[in-house]
Amino acid sequence: MTIIKKLAAPALVLTLALSLSACAGMSRQDKNTAIGAGVGAVAGSVLTGGSAVGTVGGAAVGGVIGNQVDKPRR
């Protein structure tokens, strides 16, 4: 079990870096949504002690917040 804990953080960082590098063709709002979801997932995981529900909830909340940041006004 400890090997999994040792590999989890580097795997998360690598996954986040690779997913953000895929944002080249995205709009600004799409990039903000993806970044918000990533940051929210990490924050949710940290705050809940690695709970899957906390990670997914954090990603959802972060994605919504990221989507609303700098949203074009009508």
PDB file of N, CA and C in Angstrom:
ATOM      1  N   MET A   1       0.822  -1.196   0.000  1.00  0.00           N
ATOM      2  CA  MET A   1       0.000   0.000   0.000  1.00  0.00           C
ATOM      3  C   MET A   1       0.861   1.253   0.000  1.00  0.00           C
ATOM      4  N   THR A   2       2.021   1.230   0.618  1.00  0.00           N
ATOM      5  CA  THR A   2       2.844   2.428   0.671  1.00  0.00           C
ATOM      6  C   THR A   2       3.417   2.783  -0.699  1.00  0.00           C
ATOM      7  N   ILE A   3       3.652   1.782  -1.541  1.00  0.00           N
ATOM      8  CA  ILE A   3       4.162   2.070  -2.890  1.00  0.00           C
ATOM      9  C   ILE A   3       3.123   2.852  -3.685  1.00  0.00           C
ATOM     10  N   ILE A   4       1.866   2.550  -3.467  1.00  0.00           N
ATOM     11  CA  ILE A   4       0.796   3.275  -4.164  1.00  0.00           C
ATOM     12  C   ILE A   4       0.782   4.735  -3.715  1.00  0.00           C
ATOM     13  N   LYS A   5       0.948   4.968  -2.428  1.00  0.00           N
ATOM     14  CA  LYS A   5       0.959   6.339  -1.914  1.00  0.00           C
ATOM     15  C   LYS A   5       2.166   7.113  -2.431  1.00  0.00           C
ATOM     16  N   LYS A   6       3.295   6.432  -2.594  1.00  0.00           N
ATOM     17  CA  LYS A   6       4.495   7.090  -3.094  1.00  0.00           C
ATOM     18  C   LYS A   6       4.366   7.449  -4.572  1.00  0.00           C
ATOM     19  N   LEU A   7       3.614   6.664  -5.320  1.00  0.00           N
ATOM     20  CA  LEU A   7       3.459   6.909  -6.752  1.00  0.00           C
ATOM     21  C   LEU A   7       2.268   7.804  -7.085  1.00  0.00           C
ATOM     22  N   ALA A   8       1.360   7.986  -6.152  1.00  0.00           N
ATOM     23  CA  ALA A   8       0.140   8.735  -6.435  1.00  0.00           C
ATOM     24  C   ALA A   8       0.407  10.201  -6.754  1.00  0.00           C
ATOM     25  N   ALA A   9       1.213  10.872  -5.946  1.00  0.00           N
ATOM     26  CA  ALA A   9       1.463  12.299  -6.166  1.00  0.00           C
ATOM     27  C   ALA A   9       2.201  12.559  -7.481  1.00  0.00           C
ATOM     28  N   PRO A  10       3.283  11.841  -7.793  1.00  0.00           N
ATOM     29  CA  PRO A  10       3.936  12.074  -9.093  1.00  0.00           C
ATOM     30  C   PRO A  10       3.020  11.745 -10.272  1.00  0.00           C
ATOM     31  N   ALA A  11       2.199  10.718 -10.130  1.00  0.00           N
ATOM     32  CA  ALA A  11       1.275  10.369 -11.203  1.00  0.00           C
ATOM     33  C   ALA A  11       0.240  11.476 -11.408  1.00  0.00           C
ATOM     34  N   LEU A  12      -0.219  12.057 -10.323  1.00  0.00           N
ATOM     35  CA  LEU A  12      -1.188  13.154 -10.409  1.00  0.00           C
ATOM     36  C   LEU A  12      -0.569  14.374 -11.084  1.00  0.00           C
ATOM     37  N   VAL A  13       0.654  14.692 -10.699  1.00  0.00           N
ATOM     38  CA  VAL A  13       1.345  15.846 -11.295  1.00  0.00           C
ATOM     39  C   VAL A  13       1.568  15.611 -12.783  1.00  0.00           C
ATOM     40  N   LEU A  14       1.992  14.415 -13.153  1.00  0.00           N
ATOM     41  CA  LEU A  14       2.221  14.096 -14.562  1.00  0.00           C
ATOM     42  C   LEU A  14       0.919  14.170 -15.356  1.00  0.00           C
ATOM     43  N   THR A  15      -0.135  13.624 -14.799  1.00  0.00           N
ATOM     44  CA  THR A  15      -1.431  13.672 -15.471  1.00  0.00           C
ATOM     45  C   THR A  15      -1.913  15.108 -15.648  1.00  0.00           C
ATOM     46  N   LEU A  16      -1.747  15.915 -14.627  1.00  0.00           N
ATOM     47  CA  LEU A  16      -2.156  17.314 -14.717  1.00  0.00           C
ATOM     48  C   LEU A  16      -1.340  18.057 -15.764  1.00  0.00           C
ATOM     49  N   ALA A  17      -0.034  17.824 -15.790  1.00  0.00           N
ATOM     50  CA  ALA A  17       0.832  18.491 -16.769  1.00  0.00           C
ATOM     51  C   ALA A  17       0.470  18.080 -18.192  1.00  0.00           C
ATOM     52  N   LEU A  18       0.220  16.799 -18.400  1.00  0.00           N
ATOM     53  CA  LEU A  18      -0.142  16.335 -19.741  1.00  0.00           C
ATOM     54  C   LEU A  18      -1.509  16.858 -20.167  1.00  0.00           C
ATOM     55  N   SER A  19      -2.442  16.917 -19.236  1.00  0.00           N
ATOM     56  CA  SER A  19      -3.767  17.411 -19.597  1.00  0.00           C
ATOM     57  C   SER A  19      -3.753  18.904 -19.898  1.00  0.00           C
ATOM     58  N   LEU A  20      -2.922  19.654 -19.187  1.00  0.00           N
ATOM     59  CA  LEU A  20      -2.845  21.092 -19.461  1.00  0.00           C
ATOM     60  C   LEU A  20      -2.121  21.375 -20.770  1.00  0.00           C
ATOM     61  N   SER A  21      -1.207  20.497 -21.160  1.00  0.00           N
ATOM     62  CA  SER A  21      -0.515  20.707 -22.436  1.00  0.00           C
ATOM     63  C   SER A  21      -1.452  20.468 -23.614  1.00  0.00           C
ATOM     64  N   ALA A  22      -2.555  19.790 -23.371  1.00  0.00           N
ATOM     65  CA  ALA A  22      -3.525  19.536 -24.425  1.00  0.00           C
ATOM     66  C   ALA A  22      -4.478  20.708 -24.632  1.00  0.00           C
ATOM     67  N   CYS A  23      -4.284  21.798 -23.921  1.00  0.00           N
ATOM     68  CA  CYS A  23      -5.190  22.948 -23.970  1.00  0.00           C
ATOM     69  C   CYS A  23      -4.852  23.942 -25.087  1.00  0.00           C
ATOM     70  N   ALA A  24      -3.966  23.602 -25.978  1.00  0.00           N
ATOM     71  CA  ALA A  24      -3.499  24.561 -26.982  1.00  0.00           C
ATOM     72  C   ALA A  24      -4.619  25.095 -27.867  1.00  0.00           C
ATOM     73  N   GLY A  25      -5.558  24.257 -28.263  1.00  0.00           N
ATOM     74  CA  GLY A  25      -6.608  24.693 -29.174  1.00  0.00           C
ATOM     75  C   GLY A  25      -7.901  25.078 -28.479  1.00  0.00           C
ATOM     76  N   MET A  26      -7.870  25.239 -27.171  1.00  0.00           N
ATOM     77  CA  MET A  26      -9.087  25.532 -26.424  1.00  0.00           C
ATOM     78  C   MET A  26      -9.291  27.039 -26.271  1.00  0.00           C
ATOM     79  N   SER A  27     -10.548  27.416 -26.077  1.00  0.00           N
ATOM     80  CA  SER A  27     -10.838  28.821 -25.800  1.00  0.00           C
ATOM     81  C   SER A  27     -10.371  29.151 -24.382  1.00  0.00           C
ATOM     82  N   ARG A  28     -10.357  30.421 -24.068  1.00  0.00           N
ATOM     83  CA  ARG A  28      -9.917  30.849 -22.736  1.00  0.00           C
ATOM     84  C   ARG A  28     -10.834  30.295 -21.653  1.00  0.00           C
ATOM     85  N   GLN A  29     -12.119  30.299 -21.912  1.00  0.00           N
ATOM     86  CA  GLN A  29     -13.077  29.789 -20.937  1.00  0.00           C
ATOM     87  C   GLN A  29     -12.895  28.281 -20.741  1.00  0.00           C
ATOM     88  N   ASP A  30     -12.640  27.544 -21.829  1.00  0.00           N
ATOM     89  CA  ASP A  30     -12.397  26.110 -21.714  1.00  0.00           C
ATOM     90  C   ASP A  30     -11.133  25.825 -20.901  1.00  0.00           C
ATOM     91  N   LYS A  31     -10.094  26.628 -21.121  1.00  0.00           N
ATOM     92  CA  LYS A  31      -8.859  26.458 -20.349  1.00  0.00           C
ATOM     93  C   LYS A  31      -9.115  26.723 -18.868  1.00  0.00           C
ATOM     94  N   ASN A  32      -9.863  27.768 -18.569  1.00  0.00           N
ATOM     95  CA  ASN A  32     -10.178  28.087 -17.172  1.00  0.00           C
ATOM     96  C   ASN A  32     -10.968  26.960 -16.517  1.00  0.00           C
ATOM     97  N   THR A  33     -11.883  26.348 -17.269  1.00  0.00           N
ATOM     98  CA  THR A  33     -12.662  25.236 -16.745  1.00  0.00           C
ATOM     99  C   THR A  33     -11.762  24.047 -16.426  1.00  0.00           C
ATOM    100  N   ALA A  34     -10.862  23.711 -17.349  1.00  0.00           N
ATOM    101  CA  ALA A  34      -9.957  22.575 -17.142  1.00  0.00           C
ATOM    102  C   ALA A  34      -9.009  22.824 -15.973  1.00  0.00           C
ATOM    103  N   ILE A  35      -8.469  24.008 -15.893  1.00  0.00           N
ATOM    104  CA  ILE A  35      -7.556  24.335 -14.795  1.00  0.00           C
ATOM    105  C   ILE A  35      -8.310  24.324 -13.468  1.00  0.00           C
ATOM    106  N   GLY A  36      -9.501  24.890 -13.452  1.00  0.00           N
ATOM    107  CA  GLY A  36     -10.309  24.886 -12.224  1.00  0.00           C
ATOM    108  C   GLY A  36     -10.643  23.478 -11.765  1.00  0.00           C
ATOM    109  N   ALA A  37     -10.960  22.598 -12.705  1.00  0.00           N
ATOM    110  CA  ALA A  37     -11.263  21.212 -12.347  1.00  0.00           C
ATOM    111  C   ALA A  37     -10.034  20.512 -11.782  1.00  0.00           C
ATOM    112  N   GLY A  38      -8.879  20.749 -12.378  1.00  0.00           N
ATOM    113  CA  GLY A  38      -7.647  20.136 -11.877  1.00  0.00           C
ATOM    114  C   GLY A  38      -7.287  20.615 -10.489  1.00  0.00           C
ATOM    115  N   VAL A  39      -7.335  21.910 -10.292  1.00  0.00           N
ATOM    116  CA  VAL A  39      -7.011  22.480  -8.984  1.00  0.00           C
ATOM    117  C   VAL A  39      -8.051  22.042  -7.946  1.00  0.00           C
ATOM    118  N   GLY A  40      -9.300  22.021  -8.346  1.00  0.00           N
ATOM    119  CA  GLY A  40     -10.363  21.588  -7.429  1.00  0.00           C
ATOM    120  C   GLY A  40     -10.212  20.132  -7.031  1.00  0.00           C
ATOM    121  N   ALA A  41      -9.804  19.284  -7.971  1.00  0.00           N
ATOM    122  CA  ALA A  41      -9.602  17.870  -7.655  1.00  0.00           C
ATOM    123  C   ALA A  41      -8.484  17.694  -6.645  1.00  0.00           C
ATOM    124  N   VAL A  42      -7.390  18.410  -6.850  1.00  0.00           N
ATOM    125  CA  VAL A  42      -6.273  18.318  -5.902  1.00  0.00           C
ATOM    126  C   VAL A  42      -6.699  18.842  -4.535  1.00  0.00           C
ATOM    127  N   ALA A  43      -7.364  19.985  -4.512  1.00  0.00           N
ATOM    128  CA  ALA A  43      -7.805  20.565  -3.241  1.00  0.00           C
ATOM    129  C   ALA A  43      -8.803  19.649  -2.537  1.00  0.00           C
ATOM    130  N   GLY A  44      -9.747  19.088  -3.291  1.00  0.00           N
ATOM    131  CA  GLY A  44     -10.729  18.183  -2.695  1.00  0.00           C
ATOM    132  C   GLY A  44     -10.083  16.941  -2.127  1.00  0.00           C
ATOM    133  N   SER A  45      -9.090  16.426  -2.827  1.00  0.00           N
ATOM    134  CA  SER A  45      -8.374  15.249  -2.340  1.00  0.00           C
ATOM    135  C   SER A  45      -7.600  15.553  -1.065  1.00  0.00           C
ATOM    136  N   VAL A  46      -6.933  16.683  -1.043  1.00  0.00           N
ATOM    137  CA  VAL A  46      -6.152  17.063   0.139  1.00  0.00           C
ATOM    138  C   VAL A  46      -7.064  17.323   1.336  1.00  0.00           C
ATOM    139  N   LEU A  47      -8.138  18.039   1.108  1.00  0.00           N
ATOM    140  CA  LEU A  47      -9.027  18.402   2.209  1.00  0.00           C
ATOM    141  C   LEU A  47      -9.785  17.219   2.796  1.00  0.00           C
ATOM    142  N   THR A  48     -10.015  16.171   1.984  1.00  0.00           N
ATOM    143  CA  THR A  48     -10.773  15.015   2.474  1.00  0.00           C
ATOM    144  C   THR A  48      -9.887  13.814   2.752  1.00  0.00           C
ATOM    145  N   GLY A  49      -8.581  14.004   2.720  1.00  0.00           N
ATOM    146  CA  GLY A  49      -7.675  12.905   3.023  1.00  0.00           C
ATOM    147  C   GLY A  49      -7.601  11.857   1.935  1.00  0.00           C
ATOM    148  N   GLY A  50      -7.820  12.231   0.700  1.00  0.00           N
ATOM    149  CA  GLY A  50      -7.714  11.300  -0.417  1.00  0.00           C
ATOM    150  C   GLY A  50      -9.012  10.611  -0.782  1.00  0.00           C
ATOM    151  N   SER A  51     -10.105  11.062  -0.246  1.00  0.00           N
ATOM    152  CA  SER A  51     -11.405  10.462  -0.544  1.00  0.00           C
ATOM    153  C   SER A  51     -11.764  10.669  -2.014  1.00  0.00           C
ATOM    154  N   ALA A  52     -12.259   9.622  -2.657  1.00  0.00           N
ATOM    155  CA  ALA A  52     -12.662   9.725  -4.060  1.00  0.00           C
ATOM    156  C   ALA A  52     -13.820  10.709  -4.227  1.00  0.00           C
ATOM    157  N   VAL A  53     -14.736  10.687  -3.294  1.00  0.00           N
ATOM    158  CA  VAL A  53     -15.881  11.598  -3.361  1.00  0.00           C
ATOM    159  C   VAL A  53     -15.409  13.044  -3.235  1.00  0.00           C
ATOM    160  N   GLY A  54     -14.464  13.293  -2.344  1.00  0.00           N
ATOM    161  CA  GLY A  54     -13.919  14.638  -2.180  1.00  0.00           C
ATOM    162  C   GLY A  54     -13.175  15.102  -3.414  1.00  0.00           C
ATOM    163  N   THR A  55     -12.443  14.181  -4.051  1.00  0.00           N
ATOM    164  CA  THR A  55     -11.703  14.529  -5.262  1.00  0.00           C
ATOM    165  C   THR A  55     -12.652  14.873  -6.397  1.00  0.00           C
ATOM    166  N   VAL A  56     -13.652  14.044  -6.601  1.00  0.00           N
ATOM    167  CA  VAL A  56     -14.621  14.293  -7.678  1.00  0.00           C
ATOM    168  C   VAL A  56     -15.434  15.552  -7.385  1.00  0.00           C
ATOM    169  N   GLY A  57     -15.839  15.719  -6.137  1.00  0.00           N
ATOM    170  CA  GLY A  57     -16.588  16.928  -5.764  1.00  0.00           C
ATOM    171  C   GLY A  57     -15.763  18.178  -5.954  1.00  0.00           C
ATOM    172  N   GLY A  58     -14.497  18.118  -5.568  1.00  0.00           N
ATOM    173  CA  GLY A  58     -13.604  19.258  -5.762  1.00  0.00           C
ATOM    174  C   GLY A  58     -13.411  19.580  -7.230  1.00  0.00           C
ATOM    175  N   ALA A  59     -13.294  18.540  -8.050  1.00  0.00           N
ATOM    176  CA  ALA A  59     -13.148  18.754  -9.492  1.00  0.00           C
ATOM    177  C   ALA A  59     -14.391  19.410 -10.074  1.00  0.00           C
ATOM    178  N   ALA A  60     -15.552  18.969  -9.638  1.00  0.00           N
ATOM    179  CA  ALA A  60     -16.804  19.544 -10.143  1.00  0.00           C
ATOM    180  C   ALA A  60     -16.944  21.013  -9.742  1.00  0.00           C
ATOM    181  N   VAL A  61     -16.695  21.289  -8.483  1.00  0.00           N
ATOM    182  CA  VAL A  61     -16.810  22.677  -8.004  1.00  0.00           C
ATOM    183  C   VAL A  61     -15.758  23.560  -8.677  1.00  0.00           C
ATOM    184  N   GLY A  62     -14.525  23.063  -8.766  1.00  0.00           N
ATOM    185  CA  GLY A  62     -13.457  23.825  -9.418  1.00  0.00           C
ATOM    186  C   GLY A  62     -13.744  24.081 -10.884  1.00  0.00           C
ATOM    187  N   GLY A  63     -14.319  23.094 -11.556  1.00  0.00           N
ATOM    188  CA  GLY A  63     -14.670  23.269 -12.962  1.00  0.00           C
ATOM    189  C   GLY A  63     -15.735  24.334 -13.166  1.00  0.00           C
ATOM    190  N   VAL A  64     -16.725  24.336 -12.296  1.00  0.00           N
ATOM    191  CA  VAL A  64     -17.790  25.350 -12.385  1.00  0.00           C
ATOM    192  C   VAL A  64     -17.221  26.742 -12.125  1.00  0.00           C
ATOM    193  N   ILE A  65     -16.393  26.853 -11.095  1.00  0.00           N
ATOM    194  CA  ILE A  65     -15.797  28.158 -10.785  1.00  0.00           C
ATOM    195  C   ILE A  65     -14.897  28.611 -11.927  1.00  0.00           C
ATOM    196  N   GLY A  66     -14.075  27.698 -12.447  1.00  0.00           N
ATOM    197  CA  GLY A  66     -13.201  28.045 -13.565  1.00  0.00           C
ATOM    198  C   GLY A  66     -13.977  28.460 -14.797  1.00  0.00           C
ATOM    199  N   ASN A  67     -15.127  27.839 -15.004  1.00  0.00           N
ATOM    200  CA  ASN A  67     -15.958  28.174 -16.161  1.00  0.00           C
ATOM    201  C   ASN A  67     -16.542  29.571 -16.041  1.00  0.00           C
ATOM    202  N   GLN A  68     -16.829  30.002 -14.830  1.00  0.00           N
ATOM    203  CA  GLN A  68     -17.460  31.296 -14.627  1.00  0.00           C
ATOM    204  C   GLN A  68     -16.467  32.451 -14.552  1.00  0.00           C
ATOM    205  N   VAL A  69     -15.185  32.146 -14.363  1.00  0.00           N
ATOM    206  CA  VAL A  69     -14.162  33.179 -14.281  1.00  0.00           C
ATOM    207  C   VAL A  69     -13.974  33.792 -15.658  1.00  0.00           C
ATOM    208  N   ASP A  70     -13.974  35.091 -15.725  1.00  0.00           N
ATOM    209  CA  ASP A  70     -13.742  35.816 -16.978  1.00  0.00           C
ATOM    210  C   ASP A  70     -14.711  35.428 -18.081  1.00  0.00           C
ATOM    211  N   LYS A  71     -15.946  35.138 -17.676  1.00  0.00           N
ATOM    212  CA  LYS A  71     -16.980  34.760 -18.640  1.00  0.00           C
ATOM    213  C   LYS A  71     -17.406  35.991 -19.437  1.00  0.00           C
ATOM    214  N   PRO A  72     -17.541  35.854 -20.754  1.00  0.00           N
ATOM    215  CA  PRO A  72     -17.973  37.003 -21.558  1.00  0.00           C
ATOM    216  C   PRO A  72     -19.349  37.505 -21.108  1.00  0.00           C
ATOM    217  N   ARG A  73     -19.495  38.818 -21.029  1.00  0.00           N
ATOM    218  CA  ARG A  73     -20.764  39.410 -20.599  1.00  0.00           C
ATOM    219  C   ARG A  73     -21.620  39.706 -21.814  1.00  0.00           C
ATOM    220  N   ARG A  74     -22.914  39.608 -21.606  1.00  0.00           N
ATOM    221  CA  ARG A  74     -23.856  39.886 -22.702  1.00  0.00           C
ATOM    222  C   ARG A  74     -24.588  41.156 -22.449  1.00  0.00           C
TER     223      ARG A  74
END
